[in-house]
Amino acid sequence: MTGGTFRKMALGYPHAVESAHMNHPDFRIDGKIFATLGYPDDDRGMVKLTPEQQRSFVREAPDVFDPCSGSWGRQGATNVHLPLAKKSLVRAALDCAFQNVRAKAKKKNA
């Protein structure tokens, strides 16, 4: 998978927009990041999972998914090694990340 494919998939969600954070692209819903691209290098993306989801994706494809470093990673931020990733698996991870952020925003606005 390429960064361009990841970008297109992330922007395919309703009301998703591309912005930037710390000099790399990010993808947001309701102003909250659910995925990023290009960090720590151009071959990586990041999806904002729950710790449980992260463990599941890492277990299923350890060559594709790994926790981000530090507290972000412990909270579920998960790197995606794009060249090794299958589109269907990244779609599943993006679905989770999008739903996680959307659910949190809905709860906050309720």
PDB file of N, CA and C in Angstrom:
ATOM      1  N   MET A   1       0.841  -1.175   0.000  1.00  0.00           N
ATOM      2  CA  MET A   1       0.000   0.000   0.000  1.00  0.00           C
ATOM      3  C   MET A   1       0.885   1.237   0.000  1.00  0.00           C
ATOM      4  N   THR A   2       0.408   2.261  -0.628  1.00  0.00           N
ATOM      5  CA  THR A   2       1.145   3.533  -0.682  1.00  0.00           C
ATOM      6  C   THR A   2       0.504   4.553   0.258  1.00  0.00           C
ATOM      7  N   GLY A   3       1.246   5.615   0.510  1.00  0.00           N
ATOM      8  CA  GLY A   3       0.699   6.715   1.284  1.00  0.00           C
ATOM      9  C   GLY A   3      -0.514   7.324   0.603  1.00  0.00           C
ATOM     10  N   GLY A   4      -0.488   7.383  -0.715  1.00  0.00           N
ATOM     11  CA  GLY A   4      -1.618   7.932  -1.467  1.00  0.00           C
ATOM     12  C   GLY A   4      -2.887   7.114  -1.281  1.00  0.00           C
ATOM     13  N   THR A   5      -2.740   5.800  -1.247  1.00  0.00           N
ATOM     14  CA  THR A   5      -3.897   4.930  -1.025  1.00  0.00           C
ATOM     15  C   THR A   5      -4.428   5.103   0.394  1.00  0.00           C
ATOM     16  N   PHE A   6      -3.522   5.173   1.369  1.00  0.00           N
ATOM     17  CA  PHE A   6      -3.921   5.403   2.760  1.00  0.00           C
ATOM     18  C   PHE A   6      -4.684   6.726   2.873  1.00  0.00           C
ATOM     19  N   ARG A   7      -4.166   7.774   2.246  1.00  0.00           N
ATOM     20  CA  ARG A   7      -4.809   9.090   2.270  1.00  0.00           C
ATOM     21  C   ARG A   7      -6.220   9.008   1.679  1.00  0.00           C
ATOM     22  N   LYS A   8      -6.338   8.374   0.531  1.00  0.00           N
ATOM     23  CA  LYS A   8      -7.638   8.263  -0.135  1.00  0.00           C
ATOM     24  C   LYS A   8      -8.631   7.501   0.736  1.00  0.00           C
ATOM     25  N   MET A   9      -8.162   6.435   1.373  1.00  0.00           N
ATOM     26  CA  MET A   9      -9.039   5.659   2.248  1.00  0.00           C
ATOM     27  C   MET A   9      -9.486   6.498   3.450  1.00  0.00           C
ATOM     28  N   ALA A  10      -8.552   7.202   4.078  1.00  0.00           N
ATOM     29  CA  ALA A  10      -8.882   8.014   5.254  1.00  0.00           C
ATOM     30  C   ALA A  10      -9.871   9.131   4.902  1.00  0.00           C
ATOM     31  N   LEU A  11      -9.694   9.724   3.748  1.00  0.00           N
ATOM     32  CA  LEU A  11     -10.582  10.815   3.347  1.00  0.00           C
ATOM     33  C   LEU A  11     -11.932  10.324   2.827  1.00  0.00           C
ATOM     34  N   GLY A  12     -12.088   9.017   2.709  1.00  0.00           N
ATOM     35  CA  GLY A  12     -13.341   8.444   2.241  1.00  0.00           C
ATOM     36  C   GLY A  12     -14.422   8.373   3.313  1.00  0.00           C
ATOM     37  N   TYR A  13     -14.075   8.669   4.555  1.00  0.00           N
ATOM     38  CA  TYR A  13     -15.065   8.631   5.630  1.00  0.00           C
ATOM     39  C   TYR A  13     -15.888   9.920   5.631  1.00  0.00           C
ATOM     40  N   PRO A  14     -17.164   9.819   6.025  1.00  0.00           N
ATOM     41  CA  PRO A  14     -18.014  11.013   6.033  1.00  0.00           C
ATOM     42  C   PRO A  14     -17.417  12.130   6.902  1.00  0.00           C
ATOM     43  N   HIS A  15     -17.321  13.288   6.321  1.00  0.00           N
ATOM     44  CA  HIS A  15     -16.848  14.504   6.986  1.00  0.00           C
ATOM     45  C   HIS A  15     -15.374  14.468   7.390  1.00  0.00           C
ATOM     46  N   ALA A  16     -14.631  13.484   6.922  1.00  0.00           N
ATOM     47  CA  ALA A  16     -13.190  13.433   7.220  1.00  0.00           C
ATOM     48  C   ALA A  16     -12.484  14.532   6.434  1.00  0.00           C
ATOM     49  N   VAL A  17     -11.522  15.177   7.090  1.00  0.00           N
ATOM     50  CA  VAL A  17     -10.740  16.222   6.442  1.00  0.00           C
ATOM     51  C   VAL A  17      -9.262  15.977   6.710  1.00  0.00           C
ATOM     52  N   GLU A  18      -8.447  16.469   5.792  1.00  0.00           N
ATOM     53  CA  GLU A  18      -7.005  16.395   5.979  1.00  0.00           C
ATOM     54  C   GLU A  18      -6.520  17.707   6.552  1.00  0.00           C
ATOM     55  N   SER A  19      -5.652  17.609   7.520  1.00  0.00           N
ATOM     56  CA  SER A  19      -5.024  18.762   8.146  1.00  0.00           C
ATOM     57  C   SER A  19      -3.549  18.418   8.309  1.00  0.00           C
ATOM     58  N   ALA A  20      -2.882  19.081   9.225  1.00  0.00           N
ATOM     59  CA  ALA A  20      -1.473  18.768   9.481  1.00  0.00           C
ATOM     60  C   ALA A  20      -1.186  18.921  10.962  1.00  0.00           C
ATOM     61  N   HIS A  21      -0.275  18.098  11.420  1.00  0.00           N
ATOM     62  CA  HIS A  21       0.114  18.104  12.831  1.00  0.00           C
ATOM     63  C   HIS A  21       1.583  17.709  12.891  1.00  0.00           C
ATOM     64  N   MET A  22       2.397  18.538  13.514  1.00  0.00           N
ATOM     65  CA  MET A  22       3.822  18.258  13.664  1.00  0.00           C
ATOM     66  C   MET A  22       4.489  17.944  12.315  1.00  0.00           C
ATOM     67  N   ASN A  23       4.142  18.723  11.311  1.00  0.00           N
ATOM     68  CA  ASN A  23       4.747  18.656   9.975  1.00  0.00           C
ATOM     69  C   ASN A  23       4.433  17.390   9.191  1.00  0.00           C
ATOM     70  N   HIS A  24       3.329  16.729   9.493  1.00  0.00           N
ATOM     71  CA  HIS A  24       2.889  15.612   8.657  1.00  0.00           C
ATOM     72  C   HIS A  24       1.362  15.607   8.581  1.00  0.00           C
ATOM     73  N   PRO A  25       0.818  15.028   7.510  1.00  0.00           N
ATOM     74  CA  PRO A  25      -0.629  15.044   7.318  1.00  0.00           C
ATOM     75  C   PRO A  25      -1.357  14.236   8.392  1.00  0.00           C
ATOM     76  N   ASP A  26      -2.535  14.739   8.759  1.00  0.00           N
ATOM     77  CA  ASP A  26      -3.408  13.957   9.623  1.00  0.00           C
ATOM     78  C   ASP A  26      -4.824  14.011   9.067  1.00  0.00           C
ATOM     79  N   PHE A  27      -5.642  13.111   9.573  1.00  0.00           N
ATOM     80  CA  PHE A  27      -7.017  12.981   9.107  1.00  0.00           C
ATOM     81  C   PHE A  27      -7.915  13.065  10.327  1.00  0.00           C
ATOM     82  N   ARG A  28      -8.922  13.941  10.218  1.00  0.00           N
ATOM     83  CA  ARG A  28      -9.745  14.282  11.376  1.00  0.00           C
ATOM     84  C   ARG A  28     -11.228  14.142  11.081  1.00  0.00           C
ATOM     85  N   ILE A  29     -11.943  13.905  12.173  1.00  0.00           N
ATOM     86  CA  ILE A  29     -13.389  13.958  12.173  1.00  0.00           C
ATOM     87  C   ILE A  29     -13.777  14.804  13.380  1.00  0.00           C
ATOM     88  N   ASP A  30     -14.628  15.774  13.181  1.00  0.00           N
ATOM     89  CA  ASP A  30     -15.036  16.688  14.256  1.00  0.00           C
ATOM     90  C   ASP A  30     -13.832  17.310  14.949  1.00  0.00           C
ATOM     91  N   GLY A  31     -12.787  17.610  14.178  1.00  0.00           N
ATOM     92  CA  GLY A  31     -11.597  18.262  14.708  1.00  0.00           C
ATOM     93  C   GLY A  31     -10.632  17.345  15.438  1.00  0.00           C
ATOM     94  N   LYS A  32     -10.951  16.056  15.543  1.00  0.00           N
ATOM     95  CA  LYS A  32     -10.114  15.101  16.276  1.00  0.00           C
ATOM     96  C   LYS A  32      -9.417  14.142  15.308  1.00  0.00           C
ATOM     97  N   ILE A  33      -8.149  13.908  15.555  1.00  0.00           N
ATOM     98  CA  ILE A  33      -7.337  13.040  14.695  1.00  0.00           C
ATOM     99  C   ILE A  33      -7.726  11.578  14.886  1.00  0.00           C
ATOM    100  N   PHE A  34      -7.944  10.874  13.758  1.00  0.00           N
ATOM    101  CA  PHE A  34      -8.142   9.426  13.825  1.00  0.00           C
ATOM    102  C   PHE A  34      -7.032   8.674  13.090  1.00  0.00           C
ATOM    103  N   ALA A  35      -6.244   9.378  12.259  1.00  0.00           N
ATOM    104  CA  ALA A  35      -5.136   8.746  11.545  1.00  0.00           C
ATOM    105  C   ALA A  35      -4.144   9.823  11.113  1.00  0.00           C
ATOM    106  N   THR A  36      -2.902   9.405  10.918  1.00  0.00           N
ATOM    107  CA  THR A  36      -1.875  10.301  10.387  1.00  0.00           C
ATOM    108  C   THR A  36      -1.083   9.558   9.323  1.00  0.00           C
ATOM    109  N   LEU A  37      -0.282  10.310   8.612  1.00  0.00           N
ATOM    110  CA  LEU A  37       0.523   9.749   7.530  1.00  0.00           C
ATOM    111  C   LEU A  37       1.920  10.352   7.582  1.00  0.00           C
ATOM    112  N   GLY A  38       2.930   9.522   7.317  1.00  0.00           N
ATOM    113  CA  GLY A  38       4.285  10.033   7.158  1.00  0.00           C
ATOM    114  C   GLY A  38       5.089  10.223   8.417  1.00  0.00           C
ATOM    115  N   TYR A  39       4.706   9.563   9.503  1.00  0.00           N
ATOM    116  CA  TYR A  39       5.507   9.649  10.712  1.00  0.00           C
ATOM    117  C   TYR A  39       5.631   8.256  11.314  1.00  0.00           C
ATOM    118  N   PRO A  40       6.780   7.800  11.657  1.00  0.00           N
ATOM    119  CA  PRO A  40       8.061   8.506  11.709  1.00  0.00           C
ATOM    120  C   PRO A  40       8.782   8.596  10.365  1.00  0.00           C
ATOM    121  N   ASP A  41       8.237   7.932   9.317  1.00  0.00           N
ATOM    122  CA  ASP A  41       8.837   8.043   7.986  1.00  0.00           C
ATOM    123  C   ASP A  41       7.736   7.919   6.935  1.00  0.00           C
ATOM    124  N   ASP A  42       8.107   8.094   5.680  1.00  0.00           N
ATOM    125  CA  ASP A  42       7.115   8.103   4.603  1.00  0.00           C
ATOM    126  C   ASP A  42       6.436   6.756   4.375  1.00  0.00           C
ATOM    127  N   ASP A  43       6.987   5.680   4.930  1.00  0.00           N
ATOM    128  CA  ASP A  43       6.394   4.355   4.773  1.00  0.00           C
ATOM    129  C   ASP A  43       5.412   4.012   5.876  1.00  0.00           C
ATOM    130  N   ARG A  44       5.079   4.977   6.717  1.00  0.00           N
ATOM    131  CA  ARG A  44       4.227   4.703   7.880  1.00  0.00           C
ATOM    132  C   ARG A  44       2.980   5.574   7.901  1.00  0.00           C
ATOM    133  N   GLY A  45       1.952   4.985   8.456  1.00  0.00           N
ATOM    134  CA  GLY A  45       0.753   5.698   8.830  1.00  0.00           C
ATOM    135  C   GLY A  45       0.511   5.403  10.302  1.00  0.00           C
ATOM    136  N   MET A  46      -0.502   6.011  10.867  1.00  0.00           N
ATOM    137  CA  MET A  46      -0.873   5.751  12.256  1.00  0.00           C
ATOM    138  C   MET A  46      -2.385   5.740  12.327  1.00  0.00           C
ATOM    139  N   VAL A  47      -2.919   4.809  13.104  1.00  0.00           N
ATOM    140  CA  VAL A  47      -4.350   4.756  13.373  1.00  0.00           C
ATOM    141  C   VAL A  47      -4.555   4.814  14.880  1.00  0.00           C
ATOM    142  N   LYS A  48      -5.597   5.503  15.289  1.00  0.00           N
ATOM    143  CA  LYS A  48      -5.882   5.714  16.712  1.00  0.00           C
ATOM    144  C   LYS A  48      -6.860   4.634  17.175  1.00  0.00           C
ATOM    145  N   LEU A  49      -6.306   3.553  17.717  1.00  0.00           N
ATOM    146  CA  LEU A  49      -7.090   2.416  18.161  1.00  0.00           C
ATOM    147  C   LEU A  49      -7.231   2.429  19.676  1.00  0.00           C
ATOM    148  N   THR A  50      -8.067   1.558  20.195  1.00  0.00           N
ATOM    149  CA  THR A  50      -8.076   1.303  21.630  1.00  0.00           C
ATOM    150  C   THR A  50      -6.921   0.337  21.906  1.00  0.00           C
ATOM    151  N   PRO A  51      -6.456   0.248  23.139  1.00  0.00           N
ATOM    152  CA  PRO A  51      -5.397  -0.718  23.435  1.00  0.00           C
ATOM    153  C   PRO A  51      -5.794  -2.164  23.070  1.00  0.00           C
ATOM    154  N   GLU A  52      -7.047  -2.523  23.275  1.00  0.00           N
ATOM    155  CA  GLU A  52      -7.513  -3.863  22.926  1.00  0.00           C
ATOM    156  C   GLU A  52      -7.476  -4.093  21.420  1.00  0.00           C
ATOM    157  N   GLN A  53      -7.954  -3.111  20.656  1.00  0.00           N
ATOM    158  CA  GLN A  53      -7.901  -3.221  19.197  1.00  0.00           C
ATOM    159  C   GLN A  53      -6.462  -3.314  18.728  1.00  0.00           C
ATOM    160  N   GLN A  54      -5.598  -2.508  19.328  1.00  0.00           N
ATOM    161  CA  GLN A  54      -4.192  -2.525  18.965  1.00  0.00           C
ATOM    162  C   GLN A  54      -3.604  -3.921  19.141  1.00  0.00           C
ATOM    163  N   ARG A  55      -3.853  -4.532  20.294  1.00  0.00           N
ATOM    164  CA  ARG A  55      -3.331  -5.880  20.539  1.00  0.00           C
ATOM    165  C   ARG A  55      -3.823  -6.856  19.479  1.00  0.00           C
ATOM    166  N   SER A  56      -5.071  -6.733  19.092  1.00  0.00           N
ATOM    167  CA  SER A  56      -5.645  -7.621  18.083  1.00  0.00           C
ATOM    168  C   SER A  56      -4.971  -7.440  16.719  1.00  0.00           C
ATOM    169  N   PHE A  57      -4.803  -6.203  16.289  1.00  0.00           N
ATOM    170  CA  PHE A  57      -4.165  -5.959  14.991  1.00  0.00           C
ATOM    171  C   PHE A  57      -2.693  -6.366  15.003  1.00  0.00           C
ATOM    172  N   VAL A  58      -1.991  -6.091  16.093  1.00  0.00           N
ATOM    173  CA  VAL A  58      -0.583  -6.486  16.196  1.00  0.00           C
ATOM    174  C   VAL A  58      -0.459  -8.007  16.171  1.00  0.00           C
ATOM    175  N   ARG A  59      -1.355  -8.692  16.856  1.00  0.00           N
ATOM    176  CA  ARG A  59      -1.349 -10.155  16.879  1.00  0.00           C
ATOM    177  C   ARG A  59      -1.616 -10.711  15.478  1.00  0.00           C
ATOM    178  N   GLU A  60      -2.567 -10.097  14.755  1.00  0.00           N
ATOM    179  CA  GLU A  60      -2.942 -10.578  13.425  1.00  0.00           C
ATOM    180  C   GLU A  60      -1.863 -10.312  12.380  1.00  0.00           C
ATOM    181  N   ALA A  61      -1.194  -9.159  12.466  1.00  0.00           N
ATOM    182  CA  ALA A  61      -0.205  -8.787  11.439  1.00  0.00           C
ATOM    183  C   ALA A  61       0.948  -8.017  12.090  1.00  0.00           C
ATOM    184  N   PRO A  62       1.837  -8.708  12.828  1.00  0.00           N
ATOM    185  CA  PRO A  62       2.917  -8.019  13.532  1.00  0.00           C
ATOM    186  C   PRO A  62       3.940  -7.349  12.613  1.00  0.00           C
ATOM    187  N   ASP A  63       3.993  -7.756  11.352  1.00  0.00           N
ATOM    188  CA  ASP A  63       4.895  -7.102  10.404  1.00  0.00           C
ATOM    189  C   ASP A  63       4.312  -5.797   9.874  1.00  0.00           C
ATOM    190  N   VAL A  64       3.013  -5.580  10.081  1.00  0.00           N
ATOM    191  CA  VAL A  64       2.327  -4.380   9.590  1.00  0.00           C
ATOM    192  C   VAL A  64       2.053  -3.385  10.716  1.00  0.00           C
ATOM    193  N   PHE A  65       1.607  -3.880  11.859  1.00  0.00           N
ATOM    194  CA  PHE A  65       1.181  -3.015  12.961  1.00  0.00           C
ATOM    195  C   PHE A  65       2.126  -3.118  14.146  1.00  0.00           C
ATOM    196  N   ASP A  66       2.421  -1.981  14.762  1.00  0.00           N
ATOM    197  CA  ASP A  66       3.155  -1.974  16.019  1.00  0.00           C
ATOM    198  C   ASP A  66       2.789  -0.709  16.793  1.00  0.00           C
ATOM    199  N   PRO A  67       2.809  -0.797  18.123  1.00  0.00           N
ATOM    200  CA  PRO A  67       2.445   0.368  18.923  1.00  0.00           C
ATOM    201  C   PRO A  67       3.407   1.531  18.694  1.00  0.00           C
ATOM    202  N   CYS A  68       2.873   2.734  18.679  1.00  0.00           N
ATOM    203  CA  CYS A  68       3.722   3.924  18.663  1.00  0.00           C
ATOM    204  C   CYS A  68       4.484   3.960  19.981  1.00  0.00           C
ATOM    205  N   SER A  69       5.541   4.727  20.028  1.00  0.00           N
ATOM    206  CA  SER A  69       6.349   4.777  21.241  1.00  0.00           C
ATOM    207  C   SER A  69       5.667   5.595  22.337  1.00  0.00           C
ATOM    208  N   GLY A  70       6.062   5.318  23.565  1.00  0.00           N
ATOM    209  CA  GLY A  70       5.617   6.105  24.706  1.00  0.00           C
ATOM    210  C   GLY A  70       4.165   5.927  25.066  1.00  0.00           C
ATOM    211  N   SER A  71       3.632   6.944  25.743  1.00  0.00           N
ATOM    212  CA  SER A  71       2.260   6.865  26.247  1.00  0.00           C
ATOM    213  C   SER A  71       1.234   6.834  25.115  1.00  0.00           C
ATOM    214  N   TRP A  72       1.551   7.463  23.987  1.00  0.00           N
ATOM    215  CA  TRP A  72       0.629   7.400  22.845  1.00  0.00           C
ATOM    216  C   TRP A  72       0.390   5.949  22.448  1.00  0.00           C
ATOM    217  N   GLY A  73       1.466   5.188  22.349  1.00  0.00           N
ATOM    218  CA  GLY A  73       1.346   3.789  21.985  1.00  0.00           C
ATOM    219  C   GLY A  73       0.598   2.974  23.030  1.00  0.00           C
ATOM    220  N   ARG A  74       0.850   3.249  24.302  1.00  0.00           N
ATOM    221  CA  ARG A  74       0.145   2.533  25.369  1.00  0.00           C
ATOM    222  C   ARG A  74      -1.352   2.847  25.359  1.00  0.00           C
ATOM    223  N   GLN A  75      -1.726   3.999  24.818  1.00  0.00           N
ATOM    224  CA  GLN A  75      -3.137   4.391  24.736  1.00  0.00           C
ATOM    225  C   GLN A  75      -3.800   3.893  23.457  1.00  0.00           C
ATOM    226  N   GLY A  76      -3.035   3.249  22.560  1.00  0.00           N
ATOM    227  CA  GLY A  76      -3.622   2.660  21.362  1.00  0.00           C
ATOM    228  C   GLY A  76      -3.129   3.208  20.040  1.00  0.00           C
ATOM    229  N   ALA A  77      -2.363   4.293  20.041  1.00  0.00           N
ATOM    230  CA  ALA A  77      -1.829   4.816  18.777  1.00  0.00           C
ATOM    231  C   ALA A  77      -0.933   3.741  18.160  1.00  0.00           C
ATOM    232  N   THR A  78      -1.230   3.399  16.917  1.00  0.00           N
ATOM    233  CA  THR A  78      -0.614   2.232  16.290  1.00  0.00           C
ATOM    234  C   THR A  78      -0.027   2.584  14.930  1.00  0.00           C
ATOM    235  N   ASN A  79       1.265   2.290  14.753  1.00  0.00           N
ATOM    236  CA  ASN A  79       1.922   2.490  13.463  1.00  0.00           C
ATOM    237  C   ASN A  79       1.469   1.428  12.475  1.00  0.00           C
ATOM    238  N   VAL A  80       1.387   1.829  11.211  1.00  0.00           N
ATOM    239  CA  VAL A  80       1.057   0.920  10.112  1.00  0.00           C
ATOM    240  C   VAL A  80       2.205   0.988   9.114  1.00  0.00           C
ATOM    241  N   HIS A  81       2.872  -0.141   8.881  1.00  0.00           N
ATOM    242  CA  HIS A  81       3.955  -0.193   7.890  1.00  0.00           C
ATOM    243  C   HIS A  81       3.301  -0.416   6.528  1.00  0.00           C
ATOM    244  N   LEU A  82       3.116   0.667   5.790  1.00  0.00           N
ATOM    245  CA  LEU A  82       2.297   0.661   4.583  1.00  0.00           C
ATOM    246  C   LEU A  82       2.761  -0.296   3.484  1.00  0.00           C
ATOM    247  N   PRO A  83       4.063  -0.401   3.162  1.00  0.00           N
ATOM    248  CA  PRO A  83       4.451  -1.290   2.058  1.00  0.00           C
ATOM    249  C   PRO A  83       4.057  -2.755   2.276  1.00  0.00           C
ATOM    250  N   LEU A  84       3.906  -3.178   3.521  1.00  0.00           N
ATOM    251  CA  LEU A  84       3.560  -4.569   3.813  1.00  0.00           C
ATOM    252  C   LEU A  84       2.068  -4.768   4.058  1.00  0.00           C
ATOM    253  N   ALA A  85       1.307  -3.693   4.060  1.00  0.00           N
ATOM    254  CA  ALA A  85      -0.100  -3.745   4.466  1.00  0.00           C
ATOM    255  C   ALA A  85      -1.027  -4.115   3.319  1.00  0.00           C
ATOM    256  N   LYS A  86      -1.994  -4.975   3.644  1.00  0.00           N
ATOM    257  CA  LYS A  86      -3.067  -5.283   2.708  1.00  0.00           C
ATOM    258  C   LYS A  86      -4.176  -4.258   2.900  1.00  0.00           C
ATOM    259  N   LYS A  87      -4.772  -3.865   1.799  1.00  0.00           N
ATOM    260  CA  LYS A  87      -5.804  -2.831   1.825  1.00  0.00           C
ATOM    261  C   LYS A  87      -6.952  -3.197   2.776  1.00  0.00           C
ATOM    262  N   SER A  88      -7.376  -4.449   2.755  1.00  0.00           N
ATOM    263  CA  SER A  88      -8.510  -4.854   3.590  1.00  0.00           C
ATOM    264  C   SER A  88      -8.181  -4.724   5.080  1.00  0.00           C
ATOM    265  N   LEU A  89      -6.952  -5.025   5.456  1.00  0.00           N
ATOM    266  CA  LEU A  89      -6.550  -4.928   6.854  1.00  0.00           C
ATOM    267  C   LEU A  89      -6.447  -3.471   7.300  1.00  0.00           C
ATOM    268  N   VAL A  90      -5.905  -2.617   6.437  1.00  0.00           N
ATOM    269  CA  VAL A  90      -5.821  -1.191   6.762  1.00  0.00           C
ATOM    270  C   VAL A  90      -7.228  -0.593   6.819  1.00  0.00           C
ATOM    271  N   ARG A  91      -8.102  -1.023   5.933  1.00  0.00           N
ATOM    272  CA  ARG A  91      -9.496  -0.543   5.967  1.00  0.00           C
ATOM    273  C   ARG A  91     -10.128  -0.892   7.316  1.00  0.00           C
ATOM    274  N   ALA A  92      -9.907  -2.095   7.795  1.00  0.00           N
ATOM    275  CA  ALA A  92     -10.465  -2.506   9.090  1.00  0.00           C
ATOM    276  C   ALA A  92      -9.907  -1.640  10.217  1.00  0.00           C
ATOM    277  N   ALA A  93      -8.613  -1.358  10.195  1.00  0.00           N
ATOM    278  CA  ALA A  93      -7.996  -0.524  11.230  1.00  0.00           C
ATOM    279  C   ALA A  93      -8.512   0.913  11.154  1.00  0.00           C
ATOM    280  N   LEU A  94      -8.622   1.452   9.952  1.00  0.00           N
ATOM    281  CA  LEU A  94      -9.160   2.809   9.785  1.00  0.00           C
ATOM    282  C   LEU A  94     -10.618   2.870  10.236  1.00  0.00           C
ATOM    283  N   ASP A  95     -11.391   1.820   9.937  1.00  0.00           N
ATOM    284  CA  ASP A  95     -12.781   1.771  10.397  1.00  0.00           C
ATOM    285  C   ASP A  95     -12.840   1.896  11.919  1.00  0.00           C
ATOM    286  N   CYS A  96     -12.000   1.120  12.596  1.00  0.00           N
ATOM    287  CA  CYS A  96     -11.958   1.177  14.064  1.00  0.00           C
ATOM    288  C   CYS A  96     -11.574   2.569  14.541  1.00  0.00           C
ATOM    289  N   ALA A  97     -10.513   3.117  13.969  1.00  0.00           N
ATOM    290  CA  ALA A  97     -10.028   4.435  14.394  1.00  0.00           C
ATOM    291  C   ALA A  97     -11.089   5.510  14.183  1.00  0.00           C
ATOM    292  N   PHE A  98     -11.730   5.493  13.027  1.00  0.00           N
ATOM    293  CA  PHE A  98     -12.776   6.463  12.729  1.00  0.00           C
ATOM    294  C   PHE A  98     -13.922   6.335  13.728  1.00  0.00           C
ATOM    295  N   GLN A  99     -14.377   5.111  13.952  1.00  0.00           N
ATOM    296  CA  GLN A  99     -15.493   4.890  14.879  1.00  0.00           C
ATOM    297  C   GLN A  99     -15.113   5.285  16.306  1.00  0.00           C
ATOM    298  N   ASN A 100     -13.886   5.000  16.716  1.00  0.00           N
ATOM    299  CA  ASN A 100     -13.441   5.368  18.066  1.00  0.00           C
ATOM    300  C   ASN A 100     -13.530   6.873  18.280  1.00  0.00           C
ATOM    301  N   VAL A 101     -13.017   7.628  17.333  1.00  0.00           N
ATOM    302  CA  VAL A 101     -13.000   9.089  17.471  1.00  0.00           C
ATOM    303  C   VAL A 101     -14.407   9.657  17.334  1.00  0.00           C
ATOM    304  N   ARG A 102     -15.179   9.120  16.415  1.00  0.00           N
ATOM    305  CA  ARG A 102     -16.554   9.599  16.239  1.00  0.00           C
ATOM    306  C   ARG A 102     -17.396   9.324  17.483  1.00  0.00           C
ATOM    307  N   ALA A 103     -17.254   8.148  18.069  1.00  0.00           N
ATOM    308  CA  ALA A 103     -18.018   7.806  19.267  1.00  0.00           C
ATOM    309  C   ALA A 103     -17.638   8.717  20.437  1.00  0.00           C
ATOM    310  N   LYS A 104     -16.359   9.004  20.560  1.00  0.00           N
ATOM    311  CA  LYS A 104     -15.899   9.877  21.642  1.00  0.00           C
ATOM    312  C   LYS A 104     -16.458  11.293  21.456  1.00  0.00           C
ATOM    313  N   ALA A 105     -16.496  11.771  20.208  1.00  0.00           N
ATOM    314  CA  ALA A 105     -17.022  13.116  19.932  1.00  0.00           C
ATOM    315  C   ALA A 105     -18.531  13.156  20.222  1.00  0.00           C
ATOM    316  N   LYS A 106     -19.247  12.110  19.851  1.00  0.00           N
ATOM    317  CA  LYS A 106     -20.695  12.073  20.098  1.00  0.00           C
ATOM    318  C   LYS A 106     -20.972  12.069  21.598  1.00  0.00           C
ATOM    319  N   LYS A 107     -20.181  11.303  22.345  1.00  0.00           N
ATOM    320  CA  LYS A 107     -20.361  11.229  23.789  1.00  0.00           C
ATOM    321  C   LYS A 107     -20.128  12.596  24.430  1.00  0.00           C
ATOM    322  N   LYS A 108     -19.109  13.291  23.942  1.00  0.00           N
ATOM    323  CA  LYS A 108     -18.766  14.614  24.481  1.00  0.00           C
ATOM    324  C   LYS A 108     -19.886  15.627  24.189  1.00  0.00           C
ATOM    325  N   ASN A 109     -20.506  15.517  23.012  1.00  0.00           N
ATOM    326  CA  ASN A 109     -21.535  16.477  22.607  1.00  0.00           C
ATOM    327  C   ASN A 109     -22.927  16.112  23.124  1.00  0.00           C
ATOM    328  N   ALA A 110     -23.050  14.977  23.791  1.00  0.00           N
ATOM    329  CA  ALA A 110     -24.381  14.529  24.261  1.00  0.00           C
ATOM    330  C   ALA A 110     -24.803  15.267  25.527  1.00  0.00           C
TER     331      ALA A 110
END
